Amino acid sequence: MAFSLKHLILLLVAAVAVCIKLNDAQYIPSARCLCHNTVRRTSEIITDFQIIQRGPSCDTTEVIVTIENSNNSTVELCLNTQGLLAKAFIKCWNRIKKDDSKKVTCLNKSNMRRAPAARVTDIHA
């Protein structure tokens, strides 16, 4: 089975076209997500949060909160989106129509919800 020069050139052009097309294609795996380790809740006061919707670089919605440690340093934590706190942030974020200037509404609600209950002491004991 012999190929003519015309067939070989056509095959070569097709192979080059496929290589060029594959080279231009971009594959972005979900490893580009910012959150690799998540927590379901935190007992520290949350000072800020960020909701990153899923997109081409990450196939999951991410909730990143900023907390203040006891030594006044800040740390960012990723919340598990299946946890109640993350769901509350996402719901509040959607309710305020993703307006950064209204974030304090969501922060106040989350910090109030997690505040420890005051102990009632019997003064007659």
PDB file of N, CA and C in Angstrom:
ATOM      1  N   MET A   1       0.846  -1.151   0.000  1.00  0.00           N
ATOM      2  CA  MET A   1       0.000   0.000   0.000  1.00  0.00           C
ATOM      3  C   MET A   1       0.901   1.226   0.000  1.00  0.00           C
ATOM      4  N   ALA A   2       1.020   1.841  -1.097  1.00  0.00           N
ATOM      5  CA  ALA A   2       1.908   2.983  -1.265  1.00  0.00           C
ATOM      6  C   ALA A   2       1.107   4.266  -1.202  1.00  0.00           C
ATOM      7  N   PHE A   3       1.689   5.245  -0.547  1.00  0.00           N
ATOM      8  CA  PHE A   3       1.069   6.563  -0.475  1.00  0.00           C
ATOM      9  C   PHE A   3       1.717   7.458  -1.507  1.00  0.00           C
ATOM     10  N   SER A   4       0.917   8.255  -2.126  1.00  0.00           N
ATOM     11  CA  SER A   4       1.479   9.220  -3.071  1.00  0.00           C
ATOM     12  C   SER A   4       1.970  10.423  -2.277  1.00  0.00           C
ATOM     13  N   LEU A   5       2.769  11.227  -2.896  1.00  0.00           N
ATOM     14  CA  LEU A   5       3.319  12.429  -2.268  1.00  0.00           C
ATOM     15  C   LEU A   5       2.189  13.365  -1.821  1.00  0.00           C
ATOM     16  N   LYS A   6       1.129  13.422  -2.622  1.00  0.00           N
ATOM     17  CA  LYS A   6      -0.020  14.268  -2.296  1.00  0.00           C
ATOM     18  C   LYS A   6      -0.665  13.806  -0.987  1.00  0.00           C
ATOM     19  N   HIS A   7      -0.839  12.499  -0.797  1.00  0.00           N
ATOM     20  CA  HIS A   7      -1.449  11.964   0.406  1.00  0.00           C
ATOM     21  C   HIS A   7      -0.561  12.195   1.624  1.00  0.00           C
ATOM     22  N   LEU A   8       0.734  12.046   1.478  1.00  0.00           N
ATOM     23  CA  LEU A   8       1.658  12.266   2.589  1.00  0.00           C
ATOM     24  C   LEU A   8       1.650  13.730   3.036  1.00  0.00           C
ATOM     25  N   ILE A   9       1.614  14.642   2.084  1.00  0.00           N
ATOM     26  CA  ILE A   9       1.573  16.069   2.420  1.00  0.00           C
ATOM     27  C   ILE A   9       0.260  16.399   3.129  1.00  0.00           C
ATOM     28  N   LEU A  10      -0.828  15.864   2.645  1.00  0.00           N
ATOM     29  CA  LEU A  10      -2.127  16.098   3.273  1.00  0.00           C
ATOM     30  C   LEU A  10      -2.153  15.551   4.708  1.00  0.00           C
ATOM     31  N   LEU A  11      -1.590  14.356   4.903  1.00  0.00           N
ATOM     32  CA  LEU A  11      -1.512  13.771   6.229  1.00  0.00           C
ATOM     33  C   LEU A  11      -0.629  14.611   7.152  1.00  0.00           C
ATOM     34  N   LEU A  12       0.468  15.106   6.651  1.00  0.00           N
ATOM     35  CA  LEU A  12       1.374  15.949   7.425  1.00  0.00           C
ATOM     36  C   LEU A  12       0.695  17.259   7.826  1.00  0.00           C
ATOM     37  N   VAL A  13      -0.035  17.881   6.915  1.00  0.00           N
ATOM     38  CA  VAL A  13      -0.753  19.128   7.211  1.00  0.00           C
ATOM     39  C   VAL A  13      -1.817  18.887   8.282  1.00  0.00           C
ATOM     40  N   ALA A  14      -2.531  17.769   8.173  1.00  0.00           N
ATOM     41  CA  ALA A  14      -3.553  17.435   9.164  1.00  0.00           C
ATOM     42  C   ALA A  14      -2.923  17.215  10.542  1.00  0.00           C
ATOM     43  N   ALA A  15      -1.792  16.522  10.590  1.00  0.00           N
ATOM     44  CA  ALA A  15      -1.105  16.273  11.857  1.00  0.00           C
ATOM     45  C   ALA A  15      -0.629  17.578  12.485  1.00  0.00           C
ATOM     46  N   VAL A  16      -0.106  18.484  11.677  1.00  0.00           N
ATOM     47  CA  VAL A  16       0.349  19.779  12.183  1.00  0.00           C
ATOM     48  C   VAL A  16      -0.839  20.588  12.703  1.00  0.00           C
ATOM     49  N   ALA A  17      -1.962  20.554  12.009  1.00  0.00           N
ATOM     50  CA  ALA A  17      -3.153  21.281  12.435  1.00  0.00           C
ATOM     51  C   ALA A  17      -3.653  20.755  13.781  1.00  0.00           C
ATOM     52  N   VAL A  18      -3.643  19.431  13.956  1.00  0.00           N
ATOM     53  CA  VAL A  18      -4.077  18.840  15.221  1.00  0.00           C
ATOM     54  C   VAL A  18      -3.125  19.243  16.342  1.00  0.00           C
ATOM     55  N   CYS A  19      -1.838  19.231  16.085  1.00  0.00           N
ATOM     56  CA  CYS A  19      -0.848  19.624  17.100  1.00  0.00           C
ATOM     57  C   CYS A  19      -1.029  21.088  17.503  1.00  0.00           C
ATOM     58  N   ILE A  20      -1.272  21.959  16.543  1.00  0.00           N
ATOM     59  CA  ILE A  20      -1.484  23.380  16.844  1.00  0.00           C
ATOM     60  C   ILE A  20      -2.743  23.553  17.678  1.00  0.00           C
ATOM     61  N   LYS A  21      -3.793  22.861  17.317  1.00  0.00           N
ATOM     62  CA  LYS A  21      -5.052  22.962  18.047  1.00  0.00           C
ATOM     63  C   LYS A  21      -4.886  22.466  19.476  1.00  0.00           C
ATOM     64  N   LEU A  22      -4.210  21.347  19.670  1.00  0.00           N
ATOM     65  CA  LEU A  22      -3.991  20.820  21.014  1.00  0.00           C
ATOM     66  C   LEU A  22      -3.101  21.731  21.840  1.00  0.00           C
ATOM     67  N   ASN A  23      -2.163  22.385  21.223  1.00  0.00           N
ATOM     68  CA  ASN A  23      -1.260  23.288  21.925  1.00  0.00           C
ATOM     69  C   ASN A  23      -2.001  24.531  22.420  1.00  0.00           C
ATOM     70  N   ASP A  24      -2.986  25.004  21.666  1.00  0.00           N
ATOM     71  CA  ASP A  24      -3.752  26.187  22.059  1.00  0.00           C
ATOM     72  C   ASP A  24      -4.801  25.878  23.112  1.00  0.00           C
ATOM     73  N   ALA A  25      -5.205  24.639  23.226  1.00  0.00           N
ATOM     74  CA  ALA A  25      -6.238  24.276  24.196  1.00  0.00           C
ATOM     75  C   ALA A  25      -5.682  24.428  25.601  1.00  0.00           C
ATOM     76  N   GLN A  26      -6.524  24.907  26.501  1.00  0.00           N
ATOM     77  CA  GLN A  26      -6.103  25.077  27.882  1.00  0.00           C
ATOM     78  C   GLN A  26      -6.921  24.161  28.769  1.00  0.00           C
ATOM     79  N   TYR A  27      -6.235  23.374  29.555  1.00  0.00           N
ATOM     80  CA  TYR A  27      -6.903  22.535  30.540  1.00  0.00           C
ATOM     81  C   TYR A  27      -6.538  23.083  31.912  1.00  0.00           C
ATOM     82  N   ILE A  28      -7.544  23.495  32.661  1.00  0.00           N
ATOM     83  CA  ILE A  28      -7.301  24.027  33.987  1.00  0.00           C
ATOM     84  C   ILE A  28      -7.928  23.061  34.981  1.00  0.00           C
ATOM     85  N   PRO A  29      -7.125  22.287  35.651  1.00  0.00           N
ATOM     86  CA  PRO A  29      -7.682  21.319  36.592  1.00  0.00           C
ATOM     87  C   PRO A  29      -8.213  22.009  37.837  1.00  0.00           C
ATOM     88  N   SER A  30      -9.034  21.295  38.633  1.00  0.00           N
ATOM     89  CA  SER A  30      -9.596  21.874  39.842  1.00  0.00           C
ATOM     90  C   SER A  30      -8.540  22.066  40.927  1.00  0.00           C
ATOM     91  N   ALA A  31      -7.306  21.706  40.643  1.00  0.00           N
ATOM     92  CA  ALA A  31      -6.224  21.923  41.599  1.00  0.00           C
ATOM     93  C   ALA A  31      -5.909  23.406  41.743  1.00  0.00           C
ATOM     94  N   ARG A  32      -6.518  24.259  40.937  1.00  0.00           N
ATOM     95  CA  ARG A  32      -6.288  25.693  41.043  1.00  0.00           C
ATOM     96  C   ARG A  32      -7.232  26.358  42.029  1.00  0.00           C
ATOM     97  N   CYS A  33      -7.990  25.578  42.739  1.00  0.00           N
ATOM     98  CA  CYS A  33      -8.842  26.136  43.784  1.00  0.00           C
ATOM     99  C   CYS A  33      -7.946  26.709  44.885  1.00  0.00           C
ATOM    100  N   LEU A  34      -8.430  27.714  45.567  1.00  0.00           N
ATOM    101  CA  LEU A  34      -7.656  28.312  46.652  1.00  0.00           C
ATOM    102  C   LEU A  34      -7.735  27.484  47.927  1.00  0.00           C
ATOM    103  N   CYS A  35      -8.851  26.803  48.121  1.00  0.00           N
ATOM    104  CA  CYS A  35      -9.069  26.046  49.359  1.00  0.00           C
ATOM    105  C   CYS A  35      -8.766  24.571  49.143  1.00  0.00           C
ATOM    106  N   HIS A  36      -7.733  24.104  49.824  1.00  0.00           N
ATOM    107  CA  HIS A  36      -7.409  22.684  49.764  1.00  0.00           C
ATOM    108  C   HIS A  36      -7.808  21.987  51.066  1.00  0.00           C
ATOM    109  N   ASN A  37      -7.702  22.706  52.182  1.00  0.00           N
ATOM    110  CA  ASN A  37      -8.116  22.190  53.482  1.00  0.00           C
ATOM    111  C   ASN A  37      -9.233  23.088  54.000  1.00  0.00           C
ATOM    112  N   THR A  38     -10.296  22.494  54.490  1.00  0.00           N
ATOM    113  CA  THR A  38     -11.427  23.280  54.970  1.00  0.00           C
ATOM    114  C   THR A  38     -11.787  22.885  56.397  1.00  0.00           C
ATOM    115  N   VAL A  39     -12.464  23.808  57.073  1.00  0.00           N
ATOM    116  CA  VAL A  39     -12.999  23.541  58.404  1.00  0.00           C
ATOM    117  C   VAL A  39     -14.500  23.794  58.356  1.00  0.00           C
ATOM    118  N   ARG A  40     -15.240  23.127  59.218  1.00  0.00           N
ATOM    119  CA  ARG A  40     -16.693  23.303  59.232  1.00  0.00           C
ATOM    120  C   ARG A  40     -17.104  24.527  60.038  1.00  0.00           C
ATOM    121  N   ARG A  41     -16.333  24.862  61.064  1.00  0.00           N
ATOM    122  CA  ARG A  41     -16.672  26.021  61.894  1.00  0.00           C
ATOM    123  C   ARG A  41     -15.420  26.538  62.578  1.00  0.00           C
ATOM    124  N   THR A  42     -15.553  27.713  63.169  1.00  0.00           N
ATOM    125  CA  THR A  42     -14.462  28.295  63.934  1.00  0.00           C
ATOM    126  C   THR A  42     -15.055  29.027  65.126  1.00  0.00           C
ATOM    127  N   SER A  43     -14.326  29.071  66.228  1.00  0.00           N
ATOM    128  CA  SER A  43     -14.832  29.757  67.416  1.00  0.00           C
ATOM    129  C   SER A  43     -14.306  31.187  67.510  1.00  0.00           C
ATOM    130  N   GLU A  44     -13.354  31.540  66.658  1.00  0.00           N
ATOM    131  CA  GLU A  44     -12.816  32.889  66.668  1.00  0.00           C
ATOM    132  C   GLU A  44     -13.780  33.863  65.991  1.00  0.00           C
ATOM    133  N   ILE A  45     -13.567  35.141  66.261  1.00  0.00           N
ATOM    134  CA  ILE A  45     -14.390  36.184  65.657  1.00  0.00           C
ATOM    135  C   ILE A  45     -13.975  36.348  64.198  1.00  0.00           C
ATOM    136  N   ILE A  46     -14.949  36.313  63.307  1.00  0.00           N
ATOM    137  CA  ILE A  46     -14.697  36.472  61.876  1.00  0.00           C
ATOM    138  C   ILE A  46     -14.750  37.957  61.552  1.00  0.00           C
ATOM    139  N   THR A  47     -13.664  38.481  60.964  1.00  0.00           N
ATOM    140  CA  THR A  47     -13.590  39.909  60.658  1.00  0.00           C
ATOM    141  C   THR A  47     -13.884  40.221  59.192  1.00  0.00           C
ATOM    142  N   ASP A  48     -13.777  39.227  58.325  1.00  0.00           N
ATOM    143  CA  ASP A  48     -14.056  39.434  56.903  1.00  0.00           C
ATOM    144  C   ASP A  48     -14.320  38.077  56.259  1.00  0.00           C
ATOM    145  N   PHE A  49     -14.932  38.099  55.112  1.00  0.00           N
ATOM    146  CA  PHE A  49     -15.158  36.862  54.380  1.00  0.00           C
ATOM    147  C   PHE A  49     -15.140  37.152  52.886  1.00  0.00           C
ATOM    148  N   GLN A  50     -14.986  36.089  52.143  1.00  0.00           N
ATOM    149  CA  GLN A  50     -14.929  36.179  50.685  1.00  0.00           C
ATOM    150  C   GLN A  50     -15.622  34.943  50.124  1.00  0.00           C
ATOM    151  N   ILE A  51     -16.519  35.163  49.180  1.00  0.00           N
ATOM    152  CA  ILE A  51     -17.179  34.052  48.498  1.00  0.00           C
ATOM    153  C   ILE A  51     -16.640  34.029  47.072  1.00  0.00           C
ATOM    154  N   ILE A  52     -16.053  32.918  46.686  1.00  0.00           N
ATOM    155  CA  ILE A  52     -15.539  32.776  45.324  1.00  0.00           C
ATOM    156  C   ILE A  52     -16.404  31.737  44.624  1.00  0.00           C
ATOM    157  N   GLN A  53     -17.173  32.204  43.658  1.00  0.00           N
ATOM    158  CA  GLN A  53     -18.076  31.315  42.925  1.00  0.00           C
ATOM    159  C   GLN A  53     -17.266  30.337  42.080  1.00  0.00           C
ATOM    160  N   ARG A  54     -17.843  29.188  41.836  1.00  0.00           N
ATOM    161  CA  ARG A  54     -17.144  28.225  40.982  1.00  0.00           C
ATOM    162  C   ARG A  54     -17.031  28.789  39.574  1.00  0.00           C
ATOM    163  N   GLY A  55     -15.966  28.402  38.909  1.00  0.00           N
ATOM    164  CA  GLY A  55     -15.716  28.925  37.574  1.00  0.00           C
ATOM    165  C   GLY A  55     -14.772  28.016  36.824  1.00  0.00           C
ATOM    166  N   PRO A  56     -14.151  28.535  35.777  1.00  0.00           N
ATOM    167  CA  PRO A  56     -13.273  27.686  34.965  1.00  0.00           C
ATOM    168  C   PRO A  56     -12.024  27.213  35.705  1.00  0.00           C
ATOM    169  N   SER A  57     -11.580  27.957  36.707  1.00  0.00           N
ATOM    170  CA  SER A  57     -10.361  27.546  37.399  1.00  0.00           C
ATOM    171  C   SER A  57     -10.637  26.643  38.593  1.00  0.00           C
ATOM    172  N   CYS A  58     -11.871  26.617  39.082  1.00  0.00           N
ATOM    173  CA  CYS A  58     -12.213  25.778  40.231  1.00  0.00           C
ATOM    174  C   CYS A  58     -13.677  25.379  40.113  1.00  0.00           C
ATOM    175  N   ASP A  59     -13.966  24.109  40.290  1.00  0.00           N
ATOM    176  CA  ASP A  59     -15.329  23.636  40.069  1.00  0.00           C
ATOM    177  C   ASP A  59     -16.202  23.648  41.327  1.00  0.00           C
ATOM    178  N   THR A  60     -15.748  24.289  42.404  1.00  0.00           N
ATOM    179  CA  THR A  60     -16.550  24.403  43.612  1.00  0.00           C
ATOM    180  C   THR A  60     -16.582  25.851  44.091  1.00  0.00           C
ATOM    181  N   THR A  61     -17.657  26.206  44.788  1.00  0.00           N
ATOM    182  CA  THR A  61     -17.742  27.510  45.432  1.00  0.00           C
ATOM    183  C   THR A  61     -16.863  27.463  46.670  1.00  0.00           C
ATOM    184  N   GLU A  62     -16.118  28.549  46.921  1.00  0.00           N
ATOM    185  CA  GLU A  62     -15.226  28.590  48.066  1.00  0.00           C
ATOM    186  C   GLU A  62     -15.626  29.724  48.999  1.00  0.00           C
ATOM    187  N   VAL A  63     -15.587  29.452  50.299  1.00  0.00           N
ATOM    188  CA  VAL A  63     -15.871  30.461  51.312  1.00  0.00           C
ATOM    189  C   VAL A  63     -14.606  30.611  52.153  1.00  0.00           C
ATOM    190  N   ILE A  64     -14.011  31.803  52.099  1.00  0.00           N
ATOM    191  CA  ILE A  64     -12.779  32.084  52.827  1.00  0.00           C
ATOM    192  C   ILE A  64     -13.097  33.154  53.869  1.00  0.00           C
ATOM    193  N   VAL A  65     -12.826  32.853  55.135  1.00  0.00           N
ATOM    194  CA  VAL A  65     -13.070  33.814  56.207  1.00  0.00           C
ATOM    195  C   VAL A  65     -11.737  34.267  56.797  1.00  0.00           C
ATOM    196  N   THR A  66     -11.717  35.505  57.256  1.00  0.00           N
ATOM    197  CA  THR A  66     -10.554  36.044  57.945  1.00  0.00           C
ATOM    198  C   THR A  66     -10.905  36.118  59.421  1.00  0.00           C
ATOM    199  N   ILE A  67     -10.063  35.523  60.249  1.00  0.00           N
ATOM    200  CA  ILE A  67     -10.297  35.538  61.691  1.00  0.00           C
ATOM    201  C   ILE A  67      -9.138  36.238  62.376  1.00  0.00           C
ATOM    202  N   GLU A  68      -9.421  36.736  63.563  1.00  0.00           N
ATOM    203  CA  GLU A  68      -8.387  37.389  64.356  1.00  0.00           C
ATOM    204  C   GLU A  68      -8.018  36.462  65.502  1.00  0.00           C
ATOM    205  N   ASN A  69      -6.733  36.131  65.583  1.00  0.00           N
ATOM    206  CA  ASN A  69      -6.254  35.255  66.652  1.00  0.00           C
ATOM    207  C   ASN A  69      -6.132  36.023  67.962  1.00  0.00           C
ATOM    208  N   SER A  70      -5.812  35.283  69.016  1.00  0.00           N
ATOM    209  CA  SER A  70      -5.659  35.898  70.333  1.00  0.00           C
ATOM    210  C   SER A  70      -4.481  36.876  70.381  1.00  0.00           C
ATOM    211  N   ASN A  71      -3.497  36.701  69.504  1.00  0.00           N
ATOM    212  CA  ASN A  71      -2.348  37.617  69.464  1.00  0.00           C
ATOM    213  C   ASN A  71      -2.542  38.742  68.440  1.00  0.00           C
ATOM    214  N   ASN A  72      -3.794  39.010  68.066  1.00  0.00           N
ATOM    215  CA  ASN A  72      -4.184  40.089  67.149  1.00  0.00           C
ATOM    216  C   ASN A  72      -3.647  39.940  65.726  1.00  0.00           C
ATOM    217  N   SER A  73      -3.226  38.757  65.345  1.00  0.00           N
ATOM    218  CA  SER A  73      -2.842  38.522  63.953  1.00  0.00           C
ATOM    219  C   SER A  73      -4.050  37.940  63.226  1.00  0.00           C
ATOM    220  N   THR A  74      -4.083  38.136  61.913  1.00  0.00           N
ATOM    221  CA  THR A  74      -5.209  37.618  61.141  1.00  0.00           C
ATOM    222  C   THR A  74      -4.791  36.381  60.361  1.00  0.00           C
ATOM    223  N   VAL A  75      -5.745  35.481  60.215  1.00  0.00           N
ATOM    224  CA  VAL A  75      -5.529  34.229  59.493  1.00  0.00           C
ATOM    225  C   VAL A  75      -6.740  33.990  58.608  1.00  0.00           C
ATOM    226  N   GLU A  76      -6.501  33.474  57.408  1.00  0.00           N
ATOM    227  CA  GLU A  76      -7.597  33.119  56.519  1.00  0.00           C
ATOM    228  C   GLU A  76      -7.852  31.620  56.614  1.00  0.00           C
ATOM    229  N   LEU A  77      -9.121  31.266  56.754  1.00  0.00           N
ATOM    230  CA  LEU A  77      -9.533  29.868  56.800  1.00  0.00           C
ATOM    231  C   LEU A  77     -10.554  29.616  55.703  1.00  0.00           C
ATOM    232  N   CYS A  78     -10.521  28.435  55.162  1.00  0.00           N
ATOM    233  CA  CYS A  78     -11.520  28.028  54.181  1.00  0.00           C
ATOM    234  C   CYS A  78     -12.585  27.216  54.903  1.00  0.00           C
ATOM    235  N   LEU A  79     -13.841  27.605  54.689  1.00  0.00           N
ATOM    236  CA  LEU A  79     -14.940  26.882  55.303  1.00  0.00           C
ATOM    237  C   LEU A  79     -15.452  25.812  54.356  1.00  0.00           C
ATOM    238  N   ASN A  80     -15.815  24.689  54.928  1.00  0.00           N
ATOM    239  CA  ASN A  80     -16.444  23.618  54.162  1.00  0.00           C
ATOM    240  C   ASN A  80     -17.829  24.115  53.756  1.00  0.00           C
ATOM    241  N   THR A  81     -18.122  24.120  52.490  1.00  0.00           N
ATOM    242  CA  THR A  81     -19.384  24.675  52.002  1.00  0.00           C
ATOM    243  C   THR A  81     -20.595  23.845  52.403  1.00  0.00           C
ATOM    244  N   GLN A  82     -20.390  22.663  52.963  1.00  0.00           N
ATOM    245  CA  GLN A  82     -21.502  21.854  53.456  1.00  0.00           C
ATOM    246  C   GLN A  82     -21.812  22.163  54.918  1.00  0.00           C
ATOM    247  N   GLY A  83     -20.950  22.949  55.563  1.00  0.00           N
ATOM    248  CA  GLY A  83     -21.167  23.320  56.960  1.00  0.00           C
ATOM    249  C   GLY A  83     -22.198  24.430  57.084  1.00  0.00           C
ATOM    250  N   LEU A  84     -22.799  24.548  58.268  1.00  0.00           N
ATOM    251  CA  LEU A  84     -23.843  25.543  58.499  1.00  0.00           C
ATOM    252  C   LEU A  84     -23.332  26.971  58.375  1.00  0.00           C
ATOM    253  N   LEU A  85     -22.119  27.229  58.874  1.00  0.00           N
ATOM    254  CA  LEU A  85     -21.583  28.584  58.827  1.00  0.00           C
ATOM    255  C   LEU A  85     -21.348  29.035  57.390  1.00  0.00           C
ATOM    256  N   ALA A  86     -20.774  28.179  56.576  1.00  0.00           N
ATOM    257  CA  ALA A  86     -20.541  28.521  55.168  1.00  0.00           C
ATOM    258  C   ALA A  86     -21.861  28.721  54.436  1.00  0.00           C
ATOM    259  N   LYS A  87     -22.822  27.850  54.705  1.00  0.00           N
ATOM    260  CA  LYS A  87     -24.134  27.997  54.061  1.00  0.00           C
ATOM    261  C   LYS A  87     -24.789  29.317  54.459  1.00  0.00           C
ATOM    262  N   ALA A  88     -24.614  29.718  55.723  1.00  0.00           N
ATOM    263  CA  ALA A  88     -25.183  30.992  56.180  1.00  0.00           C
ATOM    264  C   ALA A  88     -24.520  32.161  55.469  1.00  0.00           C
ATOM    265  N   PHE A  89     -23.200  32.100  55.293  1.00  0.00           N
ATOM    266  CA  PHE A  89     -22.500  33.169  54.577  1.00  0.00           C
ATOM    267  C   PHE A  89     -22.950  33.244  53.119  1.00  0.00           C
ATOM    268  N   ILE A  90     -23.066  32.103  52.469  1.00  0.00           N
ATOM    269  CA  ILE A  90     -23.484  32.089  51.057  1.00  0.00           C
ATOM    270  C   ILE A  90     -24.900  32.636  50.924  1.00  0.00           C
ATOM    271  N   LYS A  91     -25.779  32.225  51.823  1.00  0.00           N
ATOM    272  CA  LYS A  91     -27.166  32.697  51.774  1.00  0.00           C
ATOM    273  C   LYS A  91     -27.227  34.207  52.006  1.00  0.00           C
ATOM    274  N   CYS A  92     -26.488  34.692  52.982  1.00  0.00           N
ATOM    275  CA  CYS A  92     -26.481  36.122  53.273  1.00  0.00           C
ATOM    276  C   CYS A  92     -25.852  36.901  52.112  1.00  0.00           C
ATOM    277  N   TRP A  93     -24.789  36.378  51.540  1.00  0.00           N
ATOM    278  CA  TRP A  93     -24.101  37.021  50.405  1.00  0.00           C
ATOM    279  C   TRP A  93     -25.050  37.170  49.225  1.00  0.00           C
ATOM    280  N   ASN A  94     -25.827  36.141  48.971  1.00  0.00           N
ATOM    281  CA  ASN A  94     -26.811  36.220  47.891  1.00  0.00           C
ATOM    282  C   ASN A  94     -27.942  37.181  48.245  1.00  0.00           C
ATOM    283  N   ARG A  95     -28.325  37.233  49.522  1.00  0.00           N
ATOM    284  CA  ARG A  95     -29.401  38.128  49.954  1.00  0.00           C
ATOM    285  C   ARG A  95     -28.997  39.603  49.802  1.00  0.00           C
ATOM    286  N   ILE A  96     -27.724  39.922  50.069  1.00  0.00           N
ATOM    287  CA  ILE A  96     -27.279  41.312  49.933  1.00  0.00           C
ATOM    288  C   ILE A  96     -26.825  41.618  48.508  1.00  0.00           C
ATOM    289  N   LYS A  97     -27.128  40.700  47.608  1.00  0.00           N
ATOM    290  CA  LYS A  97     -26.848  40.843  46.182  1.00  0.00           C
ATOM    291  C   LYS A  97     -25.359  41.081  45.888  1.00  0.00           C
ATOM    292  N   LYS A  98     -24.513  40.375  46.651  1.00  0.00           N
ATOM    293  CA  LYS A  98     -23.060  40.362  46.443  1.00  0.00           C
ATOM    294  C   LYS A  98     -22.455  41.760  46.500  1.00  0.00           C
ATOM    295  N   ASP A  99     -22.975  42.590  47.390  1.00  0.00           N
ATOM    296  CA  ASP A  99     -22.520  43.967  47.563  1.00  0.00           C
ATOM    297  C   ASP A  99     -21.509  44.009  48.709  1.00  0.00           C
ATOM    298  N   ASP A 100     -20.236  44.294  48.369  1.00  0.00           N
ATOM    299  CA  ASP A 100     -19.175  44.319  49.385  1.00  0.00           C
ATOM    300  C   ASP A 100     -19.455  45.318  50.502  1.00  0.00           C
ATOM    301  N   SER A 101     -20.143  46.406  50.184  1.00  0.00           N
ATOM    302  CA  SER A 101     -20.392  47.425  51.204  1.00  0.00           C
ATOM    303  C   SER A 101     -21.381  46.945  52.268  1.00  0.00           C
ATOM    304  N   LYS A 102     -22.095  45.869  52.004  1.00  0.00           N
ATOM    305  CA  LYS A 102     -23.070  45.342  52.961  1.00  0.00           C
ATOM    306  C   LYS A 102     -22.572  44.078  53.664  1.00  0.00           C
ATOM    307  N   LYS A 103     -21.277  43.766  53.519  1.00  0.00           N
ATOM    308  CA  LYS A 103     -20.713  42.566  54.142  1.00  0.00           C
ATOM    309  C   LYS A 103     -20.907  42.549  55.659  1.00  0.00           C
ATOM    310  N   VAL A 104     -20.873  43.724  56.257  1.00  0.00           N
ATOM    311  CA  VAL A 104     -20.967  43.806  57.711  1.00  0.00           C
ATOM    312  C   VAL A 104     -22.257  43.168  58.218  1.00  0.00           C
ATOM    313  N   THR A 105     -23.306  43.201  57.416  1.00  0.00           N
ATOM    314  CA  THR A 105     -24.565  42.555  57.782  1.00  0.00           C
ATOM    315  C   THR A 105     -24.351  41.059  57.995  1.00  0.00           C
ATOM    316  N   CYS A 106     -23.666  40.429  57.086  1.00  0.00           N
ATOM    317  CA  CYS A 106     -23.406  38.987  57.194  1.00  0.00           C
ATOM    318  C   CYS A 106     -22.438  38.690  58.334  1.00  0.00           C
ATOM    319  N   LEU A 107     -21.451  39.554  58.530  1.00  0.00           N
ATOM    320  CA  LEU A 107     -20.480  39.341  59.602  1.00  0.00           C
ATOM    321  C   LEU A 107     -21.144  39.446  60.964  1.00  0.00           C
ATOM    322  N   ASN A 108     -21.995  40.429  61.140  1.00  0.00           N
ATOM    323  CA  ASN A 108     -22.679  40.592  62.425  1.00  0.00           C
ATOM    324  C   ASN A 108     -23.552  39.392  62.736  1.00  0.00           C
ATOM    325  N   LYS A 109     -24.269  38.892  61.739  1.00  0.00           N
ATOM    326  CA  LYS A 109     -25.138  37.734  61.957  1.00  0.00           C
ATOM    327  C   LYS A 109     -24.333  36.494  62.315  1.00  0.00           C
ATOM    328  N   SER A 110     -23.213  36.272  61.631  1.00  0.00           N
ATOM    329  CA  SER A 110     -22.433  35.060  61.896  1.00  0.00           C
ATOM    330  C   SER A 110     -21.769  35.137  63.262  1.00  0.00           C
ATOM    331  N   ASN A 111     -21.266  36.313  63.645  1.00  0.00           N
ATOM    332  CA  ASN A 111     -20.601  36.437  64.938  1.00  0.00           C
ATOM    333  C   ASN A 111     -21.606  36.402  66.084  1.00  0.00           C
ATOM    334  N   MET A 112     -22.803  36.918  65.871  1.00  0.00           N
ATOM    335  CA  MET A 112     -23.834  36.855  66.896  1.00  0.00           C
ATOM    336  C   MET A 112     -24.291  35.411  67.096  1.00  0.00           C
ATOM    337  N   ARG A 113     -24.402  34.676  66.025  1.00  0.00           N
ATOM    338  CA  ARG A 113     -24.891  33.302  66.083  1.00  0.00           C
ATOM    339  C   ARG A 113     -23.924  32.420  66.865  1.00  0.00           C
ATOM    340  N   ARG A 114     -22.629  32.728  66.751  1.00  0.00           N
ATOM    341  CA  ARG A 114     -21.633  31.877  67.377  1.00  0.00           C
ATOM    342  C   ARG A 114     -21.226  32.349  68.765  1.00  0.00           C
ATOM    343  N   ALA A 115     -21.755  33.480  69.222  1.00  0.00           N
ATOM    344  CA  ALA A 115     -21.371  33.984  70.537  1.00  0.00           C
ATOM    345  C   ALA A 115     -21.822  33.000  71.610  1.00  0.00           C
ATOM    346  N   PRO A 116     -20.979  32.761  72.609  1.00  0.00           N
ATOM    347  CA  PRO A 116     -21.360  31.818  73.653  1.00  0.00           C
ATOM    348  C   PRO A 116     -22.526  32.377  74.466  1.00  0.00           C
ATOM    349  N   ALA A 117     -23.374  31.494  74.897  1.00  0.00           N
ATOM    350  CA  ALA A 117     -24.532  31.901  75.684  1.00  0.00           C
ATOM    351  C   ALA A 117     -24.065  32.371  77.059  1.00  0.00           C
ATOM    352  N   ALA A 118     -24.690  33.410  77.551  1.00  0.00           N
ATOM    353  CA  ALA A 118     -24.342  33.926  78.874  1.00  0.00           C
ATOM    354  C   ALA A 118     -24.811  32.937  79.932  1.00  0.00           C
ATOM    355  N   ARG A 119     -23.992  32.763  80.949  1.00  0.00           N
ATOM    356  CA  ARG A 119     -24.354  31.843  82.012  1.00  0.00           C
ATOM    357  C   ARG A 119     -25.250  32.570  83.005  1.00  0.00           C
ATOM    358  N   VAL A 120     -26.270  31.872  83.383  1.00  0.00           N
ATOM    359  CA  VAL A 120     -27.174  32.421  84.400  1.00  0.00           C
ATOM    360  C   VAL A 120     -26.744  31.854  85.729  1.00  0.00           C
ATOM    361  N   THR A 121     -26.405  32.729  86.655  1.00  0.00           N
ATOM    362  CA  THR A 121     -25.982  32.264  87.971  1.00  0.00           C
ATOM    363  C   THR A 121     -27.048  32.624  88.980  1.00  0.00           C
ATOM    364  N   ASP A 122     -27.243  31.768  89.900  1.00  0.00           N
ATOM    365  CA  ASP A 122     -28.245  31.972  90.943  1.00  0.00           C
ATOM    366  C   ASP A 122     -27.598  32.787  92.051  1.00  0.00           C
ATOM    367  N   ILE A 123     -28.060  34.001  92.270  1.00  0.00           N
ATOM    368  CA  ILE A 123     -27.438  34.844  93.277  1.00  0.00           C
ATOM    369  C   ILE A 123     -27.853  34.434  94.693  1.00  0.00           C
ATOM    370  N   HIS A 124     -28.839  33.560  94.840  1.00  0.00           N
ATOM    371  CA  HIS A 124     -29.308  33.136  96.153  1.00  0.00           C
ATOM    372  C   HIS A 124     -28.669  31.829  96.585  1.00  0.00           C
ATOM    373  N   ALA A 125     -27.724  31.318  95.849  1.00  0.00           N
ATOM    374  CA  ALA A 125     -27.146  30.001  96.169  1.00  0.00           C
ATOM    375  C   ALA A 125     -26.257  30.021  97.355  1.00  0.00           C
TER     376      ALA A 125
END
